[in-house]
Amino acid sequence: MMTENIRKTLEFLKSSYENCPYFKDNPADGAYRYEHSLRVAHIGAEIARRAGLDVEALTIACLLHDIAYSRTIPPGGWNEHGRVGAAIARPFLETLQLGAPAKADILYGIAIHVDDNADFDGERSITALSVADADNIDRFGTFRIYDAMRFAGFYEMSLSEKLDWTRHRVSSIERLKDIEFASESAKALWLETIDYQTDFFTRLLRQLERSRIPEDF
């Protein structure tokens, strides 16, 4: 059930992105960032429910984790957007009916979700650490399979290039299984995601190998 705090956060997120000059000129990028934030919030809520965490706090943190993209990212670029996001979120959180511990977890989780560093003191609680976990799980979800192939120009590759790219993808994904997560709940969701990607790209590799004439044809 959506709480009033979550409803207000959704309104703030949508308004922030709609009023972003860059997203006004690049609506597809704005739609992607908004939809990504919603997906991460769904994952965060699932992690919280499974792990017995504060569902509302983690959902809000995940909704706002990329709020920095509604502004011009300062020098330092991508690495700074967690800390910038926390600074943007801080005054907004003061308008919500949240306890101090929840606000602290939300802000610290946003700040550290990129590179594990904040520019203010905070507790590395499971809730705060779970923001990055939810983000990472979405970044390896089904949509990102499509996105990675689109970005790589997979369709325009030669068959040999497709084979090399897919083999590298399979071996790279396998190495990600041992990444540590803040909760067993997040780890379980991660392994489901990695197993799915491994299966997808293994099947794709098999199909690509059948796209050439074998020696025993």
C-alpha atoms as a PDB file:
ATOM      1  CA  MET A   1       0.000   0.000   0.000  1.00  0.00           C
ATOM      2  CA  MET A   2       1.379   3.421  -0.995  1.00  0.00           C
ATOM      3  CA  THR A   3       2.024   5.721   1.943  1.00  0.00           C
ATOM      4  CA  GLU A   4       1.597   9.483   1.828  1.00  0.00           C
ATOM      5  CA  ASN A   5       5.369   9.889   2.079  1.00  0.00           C
ATOM      6  CA  ILE A   6       5.913   7.668  -0.953  1.00  0.00           C
ATOM      7  CA  ARG A   7       3.178   9.477  -2.905  1.00  0.00           C
ATOM      8  CA  LYS A   8       4.859  12.834  -2.224  1.00  0.00           C
ATOM      9  CA  THR A   9       8.238  11.393  -3.208  1.00  0.00           C
ATOM     10  CA  LEU A  10       6.845  10.175  -6.522  1.00  0.00           C
ATOM     11  CA  GLU A  11       5.435  13.639  -7.204  1.00  0.00           C
ATOM     12  CA  PHE A  12       8.765  15.259  -6.326  1.00  0.00           C
ATOM     13  CA  LEU A  13      10.689  12.824  -8.532  1.00  0.00           C
ATOM     14  CA  LYS A  14       8.386  13.276 -11.521  1.00  0.00           C
ATOM     15  CA  SER A  15       8.332  17.054 -11.183  1.00  0.00           C
ATOM     16  CA  SER A  16      12.130  17.230 -10.828  1.00  0.00           C
ATOM     17  CA  TYR A  17      12.679  15.251 -14.010  1.00  0.00           C
ATOM     18  CA  GLU A  18       9.952  17.067 -15.970  1.00  0.00           C
ATOM     19  CA  ASN A  19      11.535  20.421 -15.104  1.00  0.00           C
ATOM     20  CA  CYS A  20      15.079  19.323 -15.935  1.00  0.00           C
ATOM     21  CA  PRO A  21      16.309  21.319 -18.988  1.00  0.00           C
ATOM     22  CA  TYR A  22      18.364  18.387 -20.285  1.00  0.00           C
ATOM     23  CA  PHE A  23      15.448  15.979 -20.061  1.00  0.00           C
ATOM     24  CA  LYS A  24      13.165  18.506 -21.777  1.00  0.00           C
ATOM     25  CA  ASP A  25      15.558  18.397 -24.736  1.00  0.00           C
ATOM     26  CA  ASN A  26      16.152  14.644 -24.394  1.00  0.00           C
ATOM     27  CA  PRO A  27      12.815  13.138 -23.306  1.00  0.00           C
ATOM     28  CA  ALA A  28      13.881   9.535 -23.931  1.00  0.00           C
ATOM     29  CA  ASP A  29      16.736   9.947 -21.435  1.00  0.00           C
ATOM     30  CA  GLY A  30      14.330  11.459 -18.917  1.00  0.00           C
ATOM     31  CA  ALA A  31      11.873   8.600 -19.383  1.00  0.00           C
ATOM     32  CA  TYR A  32      14.652   6.057 -18.915  1.00  0.00           C
ATOM     33  CA  ARG A  33      15.907   7.687 -15.692  1.00  0.00           C
ATOM     34  CA  TYR A  34      12.382   7.927 -14.254  1.00  0.00           C
ATOM     35  CA  GLU A  35      11.503   4.344 -15.150  1.00  0.00           C
ATOM     36  CA  HIS A  36      14.845   3.094 -13.816  1.00  0.00           C
ATOM     37  CA  SER A  37      14.125   4.842 -10.503  1.00  0.00           C
ATOM     38  CA  LEU A  38      10.737   3.132 -10.289  1.00  0.00           C
ATOM     39  CA  ARG A  39      12.253  -0.271 -11.023  1.00  0.00           C
ATOM     40  CA  VAL A  40      14.938   0.228  -8.373  1.00  0.00           C
ATOM     41  CA  ALA A  41      12.226   1.248  -5.887  1.00  0.00           C
ATOM     42  CA  HIS A  42      10.290  -1.958  -6.615  1.00  0.00           C
ATOM     43  CA  ILE A  43      13.447  -3.993  -6.025  1.00  0.00           C
ATOM     44  CA  GLY A  44      14.247  -2.047  -2.859  1.00  0.00           C
ATOM     45  CA  ALA A  45      10.764  -2.664  -1.491  1.00  0.00           C
ATOM     46  CA  GLU A  46      11.120  -6.387  -2.198  1.00  0.00           C
ATOM     47  CA  ILE A  47      14.491  -6.514  -0.470  1.00  0.00           C
ATOM     48  CA  ALA A  48      13.039  -4.658   2.522  1.00  0.00           C
ATOM     49  CA  ARG A  49      10.054  -6.975   2.818  1.00  0.00           C
ATOM     50  CA  ARG A  50      12.203 -10.104   2.600  1.00  0.00           C
ATOM     51  CA  ALA A  51      14.855  -8.781   5.000  1.00  0.00           C
ATOM     52  CA  GLY A  52      12.497  -7.177   7.520  1.00  0.00           C
ATOM     53  CA  LEU A  53      13.733  -3.636   6.818  1.00  0.00           C
ATOM     54  CA  ASP A  54      11.807  -0.346   6.728  1.00  0.00           C
ATOM     55  CA  VAL A  55       9.956  -0.723   3.412  1.00  0.00           C
ATOM     56  CA  GLU A  56       8.930   2.931   3.224  1.00  0.00           C
ATOM     57  CA  ALA A  57      12.417   4.285   3.917  1.00  0.00           C
ATOM     58  CA  LEU A  58      14.144   2.004   1.406  1.00  0.00           C
ATOM     59  CA  THR A  59      11.495   2.679  -1.250  1.00  0.00           C
ATOM     60  CA  ILE A  60      11.948   6.438  -0.865  1.00  0.00           C
ATOM     61  CA  ALA A  61      15.739   6.142  -0.938  1.00  0.00           C
ATOM     62  CA  CYS A  62      15.559   4.099  -4.140  1.00  0.00           C
ATOM     63  CA  LEU A  63      13.140   6.524  -5.793  1.00  0.00           C
ATOM     64  CA  LEU A  64      15.535   9.397  -5.074  1.00  0.00           C
ATOM     65  CA  HIS A  65      18.847   7.613  -5.634  1.00  0.00           C
ATOM     66  CA  ASP A  66      19.394   9.260  -9.053  1.00  0.00           C
ATOM     67  CA  ILE A  67      17.693  12.583  -8.339  1.00  0.00           C
ATOM     68  CA  ALA A  68      20.994  14.334  -9.138  1.00  0.00           C
ATOM     69  CA  TYR A  69      20.262  13.741 -12.822  1.00  0.00           C
ATOM     70  CA  SER A  70      17.566  16.410 -12.564  1.00  0.00           C
ATOM     71  CA  ARG A  71      20.399  18.931 -12.230  1.00  0.00           C
ATOM     72  CA  THR A  72      23.634  19.604 -14.041  1.00  0.00           C
ATOM     73  CA  ILE A  73      26.199  17.138 -12.697  1.00  0.00           C
ATOM     74  CA  PRO A  74      29.222  19.081 -11.375  1.00  0.00           C
ATOM     75  CA  PRO A  75      32.891  18.422 -12.214  1.00  0.00           C
ATOM     76  CA  GLY A  76      33.651  14.836 -11.303  1.00  0.00           C
ATOM     77  CA  GLY A  77      30.698  13.672 -13.334  1.00  0.00           C
ATOM     78  CA  TRP A  78      29.077  10.334 -12.728  1.00  0.00           C
ATOM     79  CA  ASN A  79      31.006   9.583  -9.515  1.00  0.00           C
ATOM     80  CA  GLU A  80      29.478  12.614  -7.818  1.00  0.00           C
ATOM     81  CA  HIS A  81      25.807  11.961  -8.470  1.00  0.00           C
ATOM     82  CA  GLY A  82      25.216  10.073  -5.223  1.00  0.00           C
ATOM     83  CA  ARG A  83      26.522  12.909  -3.075  1.00  0.00           C
ATOM     84  CA  VAL A  84      24.802  15.547  -5.212  1.00  0.00           C
ATOM     85  CA  GLY A  85      21.583  13.545  -4.974  1.00  0.00           C
ATOM     86  CA  ALA A  86      21.760  13.424  -1.184  1.00  0.00           C
ATOM     87  CA  ALA A  87      22.169  17.217  -1.068  1.00  0.00           C
ATOM     88  CA  ILE A  88      19.089  17.651  -3.294  1.00  0.00           C
ATOM     89  CA  ALA A  89      17.043  15.136  -1.306  1.00  0.00           C
ATOM     90  CA  ARG A  90      17.861  16.576   2.135  1.00  0.00           C
ATOM     91  CA  PRO A  91      15.484  19.594   2.111  1.00  0.00           C
ATOM     92  CA  PHE A  92      12.735  17.542   0.464  1.00  0.00           C
ATOM     93  CA  LEU A  93      12.915  14.873   3.181  1.00  0.00           C
ATOM     94  CA  GLU A  94      12.260  17.550   5.771  1.00  0.00           C
ATOM     95  CA  THR A  95       8.766  17.927   4.270  1.00  0.00           C
ATOM     96  CA  LEU A  96       7.933  14.263   4.937  1.00  0.00           C
ATOM     97  CA  GLN A  97       6.671  12.668   8.118  1.00  0.00           C
ATOM     98  CA  LEU A  98       9.707  10.488   8.727  1.00  0.00           C
ATOM     99  CA  GLY A  99      11.737   9.773  11.841  1.00  0.00           C
ATOM    100  CA  ALA A 100      15.342  10.903  12.089  1.00  0.00           C
ATOM    101  CA  PRO A 101      16.793   7.367  11.689  1.00  0.00           C
ATOM    102  CA  ALA A 102      14.840   6.816   8.457  1.00  0.00           C
ATOM    103  CA  LYS A 103      15.963  10.168   7.039  1.00  0.00           C
ATOM    104  CA  ALA A 104      19.568   9.394   7.941  1.00  0.00           C
ATOM    105  CA  ASP A 105      19.411   5.996   6.241  1.00  0.00           C
ATOM    106  CA  ILE A 106      17.840   7.481   3.113  1.00  0.00           C
ATOM    107  CA  LEU A 107      20.395  10.267   2.756  1.00  0.00           C
ATOM    108  CA  TYR A 108      23.410   8.086   3.476  1.00  0.00           C
ATOM    109  CA  GLY A 109      22.154   5.369   1.122  1.00  0.00           C
ATOM    110  CA  ILE A 110      21.755   7.877  -1.716  1.00  0.00           C
ATOM    111  CA  ALA A 111      25.166   9.432  -1.054  1.00  0.00           C
ATOM    112  CA  ILE A 112      27.137   6.159  -1.066  1.00  0.00           C
ATOM    113  CA  HIS A 113      25.290   4.216  -3.752  1.00  0.00           C
ATOM    114  CA  VAL A 114      27.744   5.155  -6.526  1.00  0.00           C
ATOM    115  CA  ASP A 115      31.235   4.737  -5.109  1.00  0.00           C
ATOM    116  CA  ASP A 116      30.618   3.823  -1.459  1.00  0.00           C
ATOM    117  CA  ASN A 117      31.673   7.283  -0.234  1.00  0.00           C
ATOM    118  CA  ALA A 118      29.726  10.159   1.330  1.00  0.00           C
ATOM    119  CA  ASP A 119      30.717  13.721   2.141  1.00  0.00           C
ATOM    120  CA  PHE A 120      29.048  13.543   5.553  1.00  0.00           C
ATOM    121  CA  ASP A 121      29.058  11.078   8.444  1.00  0.00           C
ATOM    122  CA  GLY A 122      26.504   8.292   8.481  1.00  0.00           C
ATOM    123  CA  GLU A 123      25.834   4.717   9.494  1.00  0.00           C
ATOM    124  CA  ARG A 124      26.450   1.905   7.041  1.00  0.00           C
ATOM    125  CA  SER A 125      23.135   0.317   7.963  1.00  0.00           C
ATOM    126  CA  ILE A 126      21.609  -2.501   5.928  1.00  0.00           C
ATOM    127  CA  THR A 127      18.928  -0.099   4.703  1.00  0.00           C
ATOM    128  CA  ALA A 128      21.500   2.446   3.495  1.00  0.00           C
ATOM    129  CA  LEU A 129      23.644  -0.212   1.818  1.00  0.00           C
ATOM    130  CA  SER A 130      20.607  -1.762   0.150  1.00  0.00           C
ATOM    131  CA  VAL A 131      20.115   1.275  -2.112  1.00  0.00           C
ATOM    132  CA  ALA A 132      23.214   0.336  -4.124  1.00  0.00           C
ATOM    133  CA  ASP A 133      22.144  -3.320  -4.031  1.00  0.00           C
ATOM    134  CA  ALA A 134      18.772  -2.535  -5.594  1.00  0.00           C
ATOM    135  CA  ASP A 135      20.406  -0.280  -8.184  1.00  0.00           C
ATOM    136  CA  ASN A 136      22.901  -2.978  -9.182  1.00  0.00           C
ATOM    137  CA  ILE A 137      20.200  -5.623  -9.485  1.00  0.00           C
ATOM    138  CA  ASP A 138      18.238  -3.437 -11.895  1.00  0.00           C
ATOM    139  CA  ARG A 139      21.385  -2.589 -13.877  1.00  0.00           C
ATOM    140  CA  PHE A 140      21.696  -6.264 -14.717  1.00  0.00           C
ATOM    141  CA  GLY A 141      18.020  -6.875 -15.366  1.00  0.00           C
ATOM    142  CA  THR A 142      16.323  -7.846 -18.617  1.00  0.00           C
ATOM    143  CA  PHE A 143      16.006  -4.272 -19.912  1.00  0.00           C
ATOM    144  CA  ARG A 144      19.726  -3.767 -19.563  1.00  0.00           C
ATOM    145  CA  ILE A 145      20.397  -6.804 -21.750  1.00  0.00           C
ATOM    146  CA  TYR A 146      18.653  -4.942 -24.551  1.00  0.00           C
ATOM    147  CA  ASP A 147      20.343  -1.675 -23.585  1.00  0.00           C
ATOM    148  CA  ALA A 148      23.838  -3.210 -23.529  1.00  0.00           C
ATOM    149  CA  MET A 149      23.360  -4.779 -26.956  1.00  0.00           C
ATOM    150  CA  ARG A 150      21.952  -1.544 -28.380  1.00  0.00           C
ATOM    151  CA  PHE A 151      24.789   0.514 -26.940  1.00  0.00           C
ATOM    152  CA  ALA A 152      27.398  -1.930 -28.283  1.00  0.00           C
ATOM    153  CA  GLY A 153      25.887  -1.790 -31.772  1.00  0.00           C
ATOM    154  CA  PHE A 154      25.319  -5.542 -31.708  1.00  0.00           C
ATOM    155  CA  TYR A 155      23.050  -5.596 -34.766  1.00  0.00           C
ATOM    156  CA  GLU A 156      25.688  -3.934 -36.959  1.00  0.00           C
ATOM    157  CA  MET A 157      28.500  -6.287 -35.860  1.00  0.00           C
ATOM    158  CA  SER A 158      29.873  -9.016 -38.075  1.00  0.00           C
ATOM    159  CA  LEU A 159      29.162 -12.581 -36.982  1.00  0.00           C
ATOM    160  CA  SER A 160      32.720 -12.925 -35.707  1.00  0.00           C
ATOM    161  CA  GLU A 161      32.357  -9.734 -33.653  1.00  0.00           C
ATOM    162  CA  LYS A 162      29.024 -10.917 -32.261  1.00  0.00           C
ATOM    163  CA  LEU A 163      30.586 -14.199 -31.188  1.00  0.00           C
ATOM    164  CA  ASP A 164      33.517 -12.467 -29.483  1.00  0.00           C
ATOM    165  CA  TRP A 165      31.244  -9.943 -27.743  1.00  0.00           C
ATOM    166  CA  THR A 166      28.863 -12.631 -26.478  1.00  0.00           C
ATOM    167  CA  ARG A 167      31.661 -14.916 -25.247  1.00  0.00           C
ATOM    168  CA  HIS A 168      33.134 -11.989 -23.317  1.00  0.00           C
ATOM    169  CA  ARG A 169      29.707 -11.186 -21.885  1.00  0.00           C
ATOM    170  CA  VAL A 170      29.222 -14.744 -20.623  1.00  0.00           C
ATOM    171  CA  SER A 171      32.633 -14.874 -18.945  1.00  0.00           C
ATOM    172  CA  SER A 172      32.193 -11.386 -17.441  1.00  0.00           C
ATOM    173  CA  ILE A 173      28.792 -12.199 -15.946  1.00  0.00           C
ATOM    174  CA  GLU A 174      30.021 -15.421 -14.362  1.00  0.00           C
ATOM    175  CA  ARG A 175      32.656 -13.461 -12.426  1.00  0.00           C
ATOM    176  CA  LEU A 176      29.957 -11.300 -10.828  1.00  0.00           C
ATOM    177  CA  LYS A 177      28.374 -14.085  -8.791  1.00  0.00           C
ATOM    178  CA  ASP A 178      30.673 -13.548  -5.813  1.00  0.00           C
ATOM    179  CA  ILE A 179      29.856  -9.861  -5.253  1.00  0.00           C
ATOM    180  CA  GLU A 180      28.881  -9.152  -1.636  1.00  0.00           C
ATOM    181  CA  PHE A 181      25.487  -7.687  -0.736  1.00  0.00           C
ATOM    182  CA  ALA A 182      24.113  -6.131   2.433  1.00  0.00           C
ATOM    183  CA  SER A 183      21.447  -8.805   2.937  1.00  0.00           C
ATOM    184  CA  GLU A 184      20.758 -12.390   1.970  1.00  0.00           C
ATOM    185  CA  SER A 185      17.567 -11.122   0.326  1.00  0.00           C
ATOM    186  CA  ALA A 186      19.485  -8.874  -2.052  1.00  0.00           C
ATOM    187  CA  LYS A 187      22.031 -11.618  -2.747  1.00  0.00           C
ATOM    188  CA  ALA A 188      19.250 -14.043  -3.695  1.00  0.00           C
ATOM    189  CA  LEU A 189      17.728 -11.512  -6.102  1.00  0.00           C
ATOM    190  CA  TRP A 190      21.173 -10.829  -7.554  1.00  0.00           C
ATOM    191  CA  LEU A 191      21.877 -14.501  -8.201  1.00  0.00           C
ATOM    192  CA  GLU A 192      18.488 -14.873  -9.904  1.00  0.00           C
ATOM    193  CA  THR A 193      19.404 -11.947 -12.164  1.00  0.00           C
ATOM    194  CA  ILE A 194      22.893 -13.262 -12.925  1.00  0.00           C
ATOM    195  CA  ASP A 195      21.626 -16.778 -13.638  1.00  0.00           C
ATOM    196  CA  TYR A 196      19.068 -15.335 -16.046  1.00  0.00           C
ATOM    197  CA  GLN A 197      21.680 -13.276 -17.889  1.00  0.00           C
ATOM    198  CA  THR A 198      24.058 -16.237 -18.050  1.00  0.00           C
ATOM    199  CA  ASP A 199      21.315 -18.413 -19.518  1.00  0.00           C
ATOM    200  CA  PHE A 200      20.300 -15.744 -22.031  1.00  0.00           C
ATOM    201  CA  PHE A 201      23.790 -15.076 -23.355  1.00  0.00           C
ATOM    202  CA  THR A 202      24.724 -18.762 -23.357  1.00  0.00           C
ATOM    203  CA  ARG A 203      21.661 -19.478 -25.494  1.00  0.00           C
ATOM    204  CA  LEU A 204      22.509 -16.522 -27.735  1.00  0.00           C
ATOM    205  CA  LEU A 205      26.070 -17.810 -28.150  1.00  0.00           C
ATOM    206  CA  ARG A 206      24.785 -21.243 -29.126  1.00  0.00           C
ATOM    207  CA  GLN A 207      22.476 -19.692 -31.695  1.00  0.00           C
ATOM    208  CA  LEU A 208      25.239 -17.531 -33.136  1.00  0.00           C
ATOM    209  CA  GLU A 209      27.488 -20.578 -33.479  1.00  0.00           C
ATOM    210  CA  ARG A 210      24.749 -22.168 -35.562  1.00  0.00           C
ATOM    211  CA  SER A 211      24.726 -19.131 -37.831  1.00  0.00           C
ATOM    212  CA  ARG A 212      27.818 -20.358 -39.680  1.00  0.00           C
ATOM    213  CA  ILE A 213      28.477 -23.461 -41.752  1.00  0.00           C
ATOM    214  CA  PRO A 214      30.013 -26.190 -39.545  1.00  0.00           C
ATOM    215  CA  GLU A 215      32.814 -28.416 -40.776  1.00  0.00           C
ATOM    216  CA  ASP A 216      30.597 -31.496 -40.646  1.00  0.00           C
ATOM    217  CA  PHE A 217      27.588 -29.908 -42.376  1.00  0.00           C
END
